[in-house]
Amino acid sequence: MLETASFWVILPILSLSLALSFIRMVLGPTLPDRIIALETIAVISVGMIVVYAIATGEGVLIDLASVWSVVSFLSIIAFAYYIERWRSKL
């Protein structure tokens, strides 16, 4: 039941939100908007990996999702530092 729901309901919804976040990243009017959209894409991709891992029973993918979320967290810290330095120059 959960496998069917994840493939036919949850993954398409996550894919749609990923596409909308990508559009926001491309069309975002400011740099912080684009960075937030990029972080949203990273969170959605972690969710997709976890849903796929649950649907297929592959426990290794949960480890991959954990590593991806840590890398994403570190990247948003680096982007925040970059924005802070960028705004101080203005």
C-alpha atoms as a PDB file:
ATOM      1  CA  MET A   1       0.000   0.000   0.000  1.00  0.00           C
ATOM      2  CA  LEU A   2       2.711   2.488   0.972  1.00  0.00           C
ATOM      3  CA  GLU A   3       4.796   1.580  -2.075  1.00  0.00           C
ATOM      4  CA  THR A   4       1.876   2.246  -4.411  1.00  0.00           C
ATOM      5  CA  ALA A   5       1.002   5.518  -2.708  1.00  0.00           C
ATOM      6  CA  SER A   6       4.594   6.719  -2.827  1.00  0.00           C
ATOM      7  CA  PHE A   7       5.014   6.026  -6.520  1.00  0.00           C
ATOM      8  CA  TRP A   8       1.652   7.336  -7.698  1.00  0.00           C
ATOM      9  CA  VAL A   9       0.903  10.154  -5.245  1.00  0.00           C
ATOM     10  CA  ILE A  10       3.856  11.361  -3.184  1.00  0.00           C
ATOM     11  CA  LEU A  11       6.595  11.342  -5.829  1.00  0.00           C
ATOM     12  CA  PRO A  12       4.531  13.256  -8.427  1.00  0.00           C
ATOM     13  CA  ILE A  13       3.663  15.906  -5.833  1.00  0.00           C
ATOM     14  CA  LEU A  14       7.317  16.220  -4.870  1.00  0.00           C
ATOM     15  CA  SER A  15       8.267  16.398  -8.545  1.00  0.00           C
ATOM     16  CA  LEU A  16       5.804  19.211  -9.130  1.00  0.00           C
ATOM     17  CA  SER A  17       7.129  21.147  -6.144  1.00  0.00           C
ATOM     18  CA  LEU A  18      10.674  20.552  -7.393  1.00  0.00           C
ATOM     19  CA  ALA A  19       9.744  21.996 -10.787  1.00  0.00           C
ATOM     20  CA  LEU A  20       8.093  25.033  -9.191  1.00  0.00           C
ATOM     21  CA  SER A  21      11.133  25.625  -6.998  1.00  0.00           C
ATOM     22  CA  PHE A  22      13.363  25.403 -10.047  1.00  0.00           C
ATOM     23  CA  ILE A  23      11.245  28.022 -11.778  1.00  0.00           C
ATOM     24  CA  ARG A  24      11.581  30.259  -8.717  1.00  0.00           C
ATOM     25  CA  MET A  25      15.329  29.741  -8.767  1.00  0.00           C
ATOM     26  CA  VAL A  26      15.560  30.760 -12.413  1.00  0.00           C
ATOM     27  CA  LEU A  27      13.139  33.689 -12.214  1.00  0.00           C
ATOM     28  CA  GLY A  28      13.906  34.840  -8.679  1.00  0.00           C
ATOM     29  CA  PRO A  29      14.294  38.606  -8.629  1.00  0.00           C
ATOM     30  CA  THR A  30      17.043  38.697  -5.992  1.00  0.00           C
ATOM     31  CA  LEU A  31      19.970  36.536  -4.962  1.00  0.00           C
ATOM     32  CA  PRO A  32      18.439  35.554  -1.595  1.00  0.00           C
ATOM     33  CA  ASP A  33      15.306  34.339  -3.402  1.00  0.00           C
ATOM     34  CA  ARG A  34      17.423  32.129  -5.616  1.00  0.00           C
ATOM     35  CA  ILE A  35      19.364  30.744  -2.664  1.00  0.00           C
ATOM     36  CA  ILE A  36      16.184  29.913  -0.763  1.00  0.00           C
ATOM     37  CA  ALA A  37      14.825  28.188  -3.874  1.00  0.00           C
ATOM     38  CA  LEU A  38      18.045  26.193  -4.149  1.00  0.00           C
ATOM     39  CA  GLU A  39      17.734  25.117  -0.521  1.00  0.00           C
ATOM     40  CA  THR A  40      14.112  24.155  -1.141  1.00  0.00           C
ATOM     41  CA  ILE A  41      15.228  22.027  -4.072  1.00  0.00           C
ATOM     42  CA  ALA A  42      17.763  20.303  -1.829  1.00  0.00           C
ATOM     43  CA  VAL A  43      15.125  19.569   0.827  1.00  0.00           C
ATOM     44  CA  ILE A  44      12.685  18.251  -1.760  1.00  0.00           C
ATOM     45  CA  SER A  45      15.376  16.021  -3.272  1.00  0.00           C
ATOM     46  CA  VAL A  46      16.122  14.578   0.185  1.00  0.00           C
ATOM     47  CA  GLY A  47      12.420  13.890   0.585  1.00  0.00           C
ATOM     48  CA  MET A  48      12.305  12.174  -2.783  1.00  0.00           C
ATOM     49  CA  ILE A  49      15.272   9.993  -1.874  1.00  0.00           C
ATOM     50  CA  VAL A  50      13.633   9.000   1.409  1.00  0.00           C
ATOM     51  CA  VAL A  51      10.294   8.207  -0.235  1.00  0.00           C
ATOM     52  CA  TYR A  52      12.051   6.110  -2.872  1.00  0.00           C
ATOM     53  CA  ALA A  53      14.052   4.320  -0.162  1.00  0.00           C
ATOM     54  CA  ILE A  54      10.872   3.483   1.719  1.00  0.00           C
ATOM     55  CA  ALA A  55       9.118   2.305  -1.435  1.00  0.00           C
ATOM     56  CA  THR A  56      11.961   0.038  -2.549  1.00  0.00           C
ATOM     57  CA  GLY A  57      13.226  -1.046   0.863  1.00  0.00           C
ATOM     58  CA  GLU A  58      16.768   0.151   0.180  1.00  0.00           C
ATOM     59  CA  GLY A  59      18.179   1.259   3.529  1.00  0.00           C
ATOM     60  CA  VAL A  60      21.386   2.554   1.977  1.00  0.00           C
ATOM     61  CA  LEU A  61      19.463   5.410   0.385  1.00  0.00           C
ATOM     62  CA  ILE A  62      18.559   6.735   3.836  1.00  0.00           C
ATOM     63  CA  ASP A  63      22.284   7.170   4.496  1.00  0.00           C
ATOM     64  CA  LEU A  64      22.618   8.975   1.193  1.00  0.00           C
ATOM     65  CA  ALA A  65      19.741  11.290   2.125  1.00  0.00           C
ATOM     66  CA  SER A  66      21.413  12.040   5.463  1.00  0.00           C
ATOM     67  CA  VAL A  67      24.688  12.950   3.804  1.00  0.00           C
ATOM     68  CA  TRP A  68      22.896  15.061   1.197  1.00  0.00           C
ATOM     69  CA  SER A  69      21.025  16.974   3.907  1.00  0.00           C
ATOM     70  CA  VAL A  70      24.268  17.722   5.790  1.00  0.00           C
ATOM     71  CA  VAL A  71      25.953  18.943   2.607  1.00  0.00           C
ATOM     72  CA  SER A  72      22.915  21.069   1.835  1.00  0.00           C
ATOM     73  CA  PHE A  73      22.986  22.561   5.328  1.00  0.00           C
ATOM     74  CA  LEU A  74      26.655  23.444   5.007  1.00  0.00           C
ATOM     75  CA  SER A  75      26.075  24.994   1.606  1.00  0.00           C
ATOM     76  CA  ILE A  76      23.314  27.250   2.909  1.00  0.00           C
ATOM     77  CA  ILE A  77      25.643  28.434   5.671  1.00  0.00           C
ATOM     78  CA  ALA A  78      28.258  29.272   3.045  1.00  0.00           C
ATOM     79  CA  PHE A  79      25.669  31.113   0.962  1.00  0.00           C
ATOM     80  CA  ALA A  80      24.505  33.069   4.019  1.00  0.00           C
ATOM     81  CA  TYR A  81      28.094  34.087   4.718  1.00  0.00           C
ATOM     82  CA  TYR A  82      28.466  35.159   1.095  1.00  0.00           C
ATOM     83  CA  ILE A  83      25.285  37.229   1.204  1.00  0.00           C
ATOM     84  CA  GLU A  84      26.356  38.891   4.446  1.00  0.00           C
ATOM     85  CA  ARG A  85      29.671  39.923   2.931  1.00  0.00           C
ATOM     86  CA  TRP A  86      27.933  41.024  -0.267  1.00  0.00           C
ATOM     87  CA  ARG A  87      25.451  43.228   1.634  1.00  0.00           C
ATOM     88  CA  SER A  88      28.193  44.800   3.753  1.00  0.00           C
ATOM     89  CA  LYS A  89      29.905  46.015   0.550  1.00  0.00           C
ATOM     90  CA  LEU A  90      26.772  47.879  -0.534  1.00  0.00           C
END
